[in-house]
C-alpha atoms as a PDB file:
ATOM      1  CA  MET A   1     -21.957  44.374 -15.414  1.00  0.00           C
ATOM      2  CA  LYS A   2     -23.589  43.371 -18.639  1.00  0.00           C
ATOM      3  CA  ILE A   3     -26.102  40.551 -18.576  1.00  0.00           C
ATOM      4  CA  SER A   4     -24.031  38.568 -21.071  1.00  0.00           C
ATOM      5  CA  THR A   5     -20.981  38.842 -18.802  1.00  0.00           C
ATOM      6  CA  ALA A   6     -23.021  37.745 -15.771  1.00  0.00           C
ATOM      7  CA  VAL A   7     -24.431  34.772 -17.673  1.00  0.00           C
ATOM      8  CA  LEU A   8     -20.955  33.821 -18.867  1.00  0.00           C
ATOM      9  CA  ALA A   9     -19.556  34.093 -15.309  1.00  0.00           C
ATOM     10  CA  ALA A  10     -22.419  31.988 -13.923  1.00  0.00           C
ATOM     11  CA  GLY A  11     -21.872  29.378 -16.635  1.00  0.00           C
ATOM     12  CA  ALA A  12     -18.153  29.220 -15.880  1.00  0.00           C
ATOM     13  CA  SER A  13     -18.902  28.791 -12.159  1.00  0.00           C
ATOM     14  CA  ILE A  14     -21.315  25.946 -12.839  1.00  0.00           C
ATOM     15  CA  ALA A  15     -18.792  24.280 -15.151  1.00  0.00           C
ATOM     16  CA  ALA A  16     -16.060  24.581 -12.497  1.00  0.00           C
ATOM     17  CA  VAL A  17     -18.293  22.918  -9.896  1.00  0.00           C
ATOM     18  CA  GLY A  18     -19.079  20.145 -12.365  1.00  0.00           C
ATOM     19  CA  VAL A  19     -15.415  19.531 -13.114  1.00  0.00           C
ATOM     20  CA  ALA A  20     -14.603  19.462  -9.385  1.00  0.00           C
ATOM     21  CA  GLN A  21     -17.340  16.869  -8.834  1.00  0.00           C
ATOM     22  CA  LEU A  22     -16.016  14.720 -11.675  1.00  0.00           C
ATOM     23  CA  VAL A  23     -12.483  14.877 -10.292  1.00  0.00           C
ATOM     24  CA  GLN A  24     -13.739  13.929  -6.818  1.00  0.00           C
ATOM     25  CA  ARG A  25     -15.822  11.059  -8.221  1.00  0.00           C
ATOM     26  CA  HIS A  26     -12.807   9.763 -10.157  1.00  0.00           C
ATOM     27  CA  ARG A  27     -10.636   9.913  -7.027  1.00  0.00           C
ATOM     28  CA  GLN A  28     -13.243   8.054  -4.958  1.00  0.00           C
ATOM     29  CA  HIS A  29     -13.679   5.422  -7.678  1.00  0.00           C
ATOM     30  CA  LYS A  30      -9.920   4.871  -7.778  1.00  0.00           C
ATOM     31  CA  GLN A  31      -9.811   4.554  -3.969  1.00  0.00           C
ATOM     32  CA  ARG A  32     -12.660   2.005  -3.998  1.00  0.00           C
ATOM     33  CA  ASN A  33     -10.858  -0.059  -6.641  1.00  0.00           C
ATOM     34  CA  ASP A  34      -7.599   0.148  -4.669  1.00  0.00           C
ATOM     35  CA  LEU A  35      -9.393  -0.962  -1.522  1.00  0.00           C
ATOM     36  CA  ALA A  36     -11.113  -3.875  -3.272  1.00  0.00           C
ATOM     37  CA  THR A  37      -7.944  -5.189  -4.912  1.00  0.00           C
ATOM     38  CA  SER A  38      -5.949  -4.748  -1.694  1.00  0.00           C
ATOM     39  CA  LEU A  39      -8.532  -6.702   0.286  1.00  0.00           C
ATOM     40  CA  ILE A  40      -8.456  -9.513  -2.286  1.00  0.00           C
ATOM     41  CA  GLN A  41      -4.658  -9.650  -2.051  1.00  0.00           C
ATOM     42  CA  ILE A  42      -4.704  -9.597   1.758  1.00  0.00           C
ATOM     43  CA  GLU A  43      -7.295 -12.398   1.825  1.00  0.00           C
ATOM     44  CA  TRP A  44      -5.196 -14.513  -0.545  1.00  0.00           C
ATOM     45  CA  LEU A  45      -2.030 -13.871   1.485  1.00  0.00           C
ATOM     46  CA  SER A  46      -3.898 -14.870   4.632  1.00  0.00           C
ATOM     47  CA  ARG A  47      -5.010 -18.137   3.034  1.00  0.00           C
ATOM     48  CA  ALA A  48      -1.623 -18.930   1.497  1.00  0.00           C
ATOM     49  CA  SER A  49       0.264 -18.169   4.706  1.00  0.00           C
ATOM     50  CA  SER A  50      -1.904 -20.616   6.636  1.00  0.00           C
ATOM     51  CA  ASP A  51      -2.524 -23.334   4.003  1.00  0.00           C
ATOM     52  CA  GLU A  52       0.554 -25.305   3.029  1.00  0.00           C
ATOM     53  CA  LYS A  53      -1.068 -26.636  -0.166  1.00  0.00           C
ATOM     54  CA  GLU A  54      -1.818 -23.093  -1.358  1.00  0.00           C
ATOM     55  CA  ALA A  55       1.692 -21.973  -0.425  1.00  0.00           C
ATOM     56  CA  ALA A  56       3.133 -24.908  -2.388  1.00  0.00           C
ATOM     57  CA  TYR A  57       1.742 -23.440  -5.621  1.00  0.00           C
ATOM     58  CA  TRP A  58       3.569 -20.173  -5.091  1.00  0.00           C
ATOM     59  CA  ALA A  59       6.754 -21.113  -3.273  1.00  0.00           C
ATOM     60  CA  PRO A  60       9.889 -20.422  -5.316  1.00  0.00           C
ATOM     61  CA  GLU A  61      11.609 -23.448  -6.760  1.00  0.00           C
ATOM     62  CA  GLY A  62      13.726 -25.180  -4.178  1.00  0.00           C
ATOM     63  CA  ARG A  63      11.940 -23.636  -1.222  1.00  0.00           C
ATOM     64  CA  GLU A  64       9.598 -25.660   0.949  1.00  0.00           C
ATOM     65  CA  PRO A  65       6.118 -24.181   1.444  1.00  0.00           C
ATOM     66  CA  ALA A  66       6.601 -24.170   5.218  1.00  0.00           C
ATOM     67  CA  GLN A  67       9.693 -21.974   4.724  1.00  0.00           C
ATOM     68  CA  TYR A  68       7.819 -19.668   2.358  1.00  0.00           C
ATOM     69  CA  GLN A  69       4.724 -19.198   4.517  1.00  0.00           C
ATOM     70  CA  PRO A  70       6.354 -16.791   7.012  1.00  0.00           C
ATOM     71  CA  LEU A  71       7.286 -14.534   4.065  1.00  0.00           C
ATOM     72  CA  LEU A  72       3.693 -14.624   2.849  1.00  0.00           C
ATOM     73  CA  SER A  73       2.512 -13.741   6.331  1.00  0.00           C
ATOM     74  CA  ALA A  74       4.966 -10.851   6.503  1.00  0.00           C
ATOM     75  CA  ASN A  75       3.821  -9.661   3.081  1.00  0.00           C
ATOM     76  CA  ARG A  76       0.250  -9.664   4.398  1.00  0.00           C
ATOM     77  CA  MET A  77       1.314  -7.407   7.260  1.00  0.00           C
ATOM     78  CA  PHE A  78       3.096  -5.031   4.872  1.00  0.00           C
ATOM     79  CA  CYS A  79       0.034  -4.952   2.612  1.00  0.00           C
ATOM     80  CA  GLN A  80      -2.288  -4.206   5.527  1.00  0.00           C
ATOM     81  CA  LEU A  81      -0.046  -1.436   6.814  1.00  0.00           C
ATOM     82  CA  SER A  82       0.338  -0.005   3.318  1.00  0.00           C
ATOM     83  CA  LEU A  83      -3.423   0.020   2.825  1.00  0.00           C
ATOM     84  CA  LEU A  84      -4.001   1.864   6.104  1.00  0.00           C
ATOM     85  CA  TYR A  85      -1.401   4.439   5.085  1.00  0.00           C
ATOM     86  CA  ARG A  86      -2.778   4.873   1.556  1.00  0.00           C
ATOM     87  CA  LEU A  87      -6.280   5.392   2.955  1.00  0.00           C
ATOM     88  CA  GLY A  88      -4.943   8.146   5.205  1.00  0.00           C
ATOM     89  CA  LEU A  89      -5.681   6.249   8.413  1.00  0.00           C
ATOM     90  CA  LEU A  90      -2.086   6.537   9.639  1.00  0.00           C
ATOM     91  CA  THR A  91      -0.002   9.647  10.117  1.00  0.00           C
ATOM     92  CA  ASP A  92       3.630   9.659   9.025  1.00  0.00           C
ATOM     93  CA  ARG A  93       4.639   9.334  12.688  1.00  0.00           C
ATOM     94  CA  GLN A  94       2.338   6.358  13.238  1.00  0.00           C
ATOM     95  CA  LEU A  95       3.728   4.721  10.100  1.00  0.00           C
ATOM     96  CA  VAL A  96       7.258   4.971  11.513  1.00  0.00           C
ATOM     97  CA  LEU A  97       6.127   3.459  14.820  1.00  0.00           C
ATOM     98  CA  TYR A  98       4.308   0.562  13.127  1.00  0.00           C
ATOM     99  CA  ALA A  99       7.182   0.001  10.703  1.00  0.00           C
ATOM    100  CA  ASP A 100       9.659  -0.266  13.568  1.00  0.00           C
ATOM    101  CA  LYS A 101       7.365  -2.695  15.384  1.00  0.00           C
ATOM    102  CA  LEU A 102       6.865  -4.785  12.247  1.00  0.00           C
ATOM    103  CA  MET A 103      10.613  -4.972  11.619  1.00  0.00           C
ATOM    104  CA  GLU A 104      11.096  -6.543  15.057  1.00  0.00           C
ATOM    105  CA  SER A 105       9.850  -9.725  13.371  1.00  0.00           C
ATOM    106  CA  ALA A 106      12.484 -11.928  11.747  1.00  0.00           C
ATOM    107  CA  ALA A 107       9.948 -12.880   9.063  1.00  0.00           C
ATOM    108  CA  ALA A 108       9.309  -9.216   8.211  1.00  0.00           C
ATOM    109  CA  ARG A 109      13.031  -8.503   7.966  1.00  0.00           C
ATOM    110  CA  ALA A 110      13.558 -11.602   5.803  1.00  0.00           C
ATOM    111  CA  TYR A 111      10.685 -10.562   3.548  1.00  0.00           C
ATOM    112  CA  TRP A 112      11.964  -7.000   3.189  1.00  0.00           C
ATOM    113  CA  ALA A 113      15.528  -8.183   2.532  1.00  0.00           C
ATOM    114  CA  ARG A 114      14.227 -10.423  -0.271  1.00  0.00           C
ATOM    115  CA  PHE A 115      11.434  -8.286  -1.768  1.00  0.00           C
ATOM    116  CA  GLY A 116      12.036  -4.710  -0.596  1.00  0.00           C
ATOM    117  CA  GLU A 117      13.698  -3.691  -3.862  1.00  0.00           C
ATOM    118  CA  HIS A 118      10.770  -5.095  -5.815  1.00  0.00           C
ATOM    119  CA  ARG A 119       8.307  -3.125  -3.700  1.00  0.00           C
ATOM    120  CA  GLU A 120      10.411   0.015  -4.241  1.00  0.00           C
ATOM    121  CA  ALA A 121      10.253  -0.504  -8.007  1.00  0.00           C
ATOM    122  CA  GLU A 122       6.473  -0.968  -7.827  1.00  0.00           C
ATOM    123  CA  ALA A 123       6.115   2.245  -5.840  1.00  0.00           C
ATOM    124  CA  LEU A 124       7.967   4.491  -8.298  1.00  0.00           C
ATOM    125  CA  GLY A 125       5.853   7.412  -9.395  1.00  0.00           C
ATOM    126  CA  LYS A 126       3.280   6.967  -6.629  1.00  0.00           C
ATOM    127  CA  LYS A 127       4.095   9.476  -3.911  1.00  0.00           C
ATOM    128  CA  THR A 128       2.296   7.712  -1.061  1.00  0.00           C
ATOM    129  CA  ASP A 129       3.750   4.313  -1.979  1.00  0.00           C
ATOM    130  CA  GLU A 130       7.217   5.837  -2.244  1.00  0.00           C
ATOM    131  CA  GLN A 131       6.814   7.347   1.247  1.00  0.00           C
ATOM    132  CA  PHE A 132       5.668   3.967   2.563  1.00  0.00           C
ATOM    133  CA  THR A 133       8.632   2.071   1.112  1.00  0.00           C
ATOM    134  CA  ARG A 134      11.034   4.752   2.355  1.00  0.00           C
ATOM    135  CA  ALA A 135       9.627   4.319   5.880  1.00  0.00           C
ATOM    136  CA  MET A 136       9.961   0.520   5.595  1.00  0.00           C
ATOM    137  CA  ASN A 137      13.549   0.802   4.321  1.00  0.00           C
ATOM    138  CA  GLU A 138      14.486   3.092   7.188  1.00  0.00           C
ATOM    139  CA  ALA A 139      12.838   0.774   9.734  1.00  0.00           C
ATOM    140  CA  PHE A 140      14.611  -2.211   8.143  1.00  0.00           C
ATOM    141  CA  THR A 141      17.950  -0.400   8.416  1.00  0.00           C
ATOM    142  CA  ARG A 142      17.338   0.471  12.078  1.00  0.00           C
ATOM    143  CA  ALA A 143      16.241  -3.099  12.861  1.00  0.00           C
ATOM    144  CA  THR A 144      19.200  -4.743  11.143  1.00  0.00           C
ATOM    145  CA  MET A 145      21.668  -2.396  12.812  1.00  0.00           C
ATOM    146  CA  VAL A 146      20.286  -3.466  16.188  1.00  0.00           C
ATOM    147  CA  ALA A 147      19.842  -7.182  15.414  1.00  0.00           C
END
């Protein structure tokens, strides 16, 4: 092998490692941002689902905050479960089990009946989010067939 070819091959290898590191760094940065924003949302949902004054700001017109708070609480549970799944801390099988358990709650079923389509629209184009909403839809269907 010529020296110039060896140098070129070594340079290409170093460049490939550099690109792989940049891709990994970008992925980790995106995951950190996702985690931070999810935790902010979960904290807000926790506060709003337990504080009637906070819930009053966000309750739809014509709905009392006390009626809206169970939906906020259910949303918090969906957000927490979604975060665990997106972080890879739940297998697909575990997601199905937790989804079925969550849908035993009347508040969770009411939330999904009202906002499930919205969450599906938000998930479009994001494979993991689409898998999550599919699992929630299937659990909702099973729960409403039984209830």
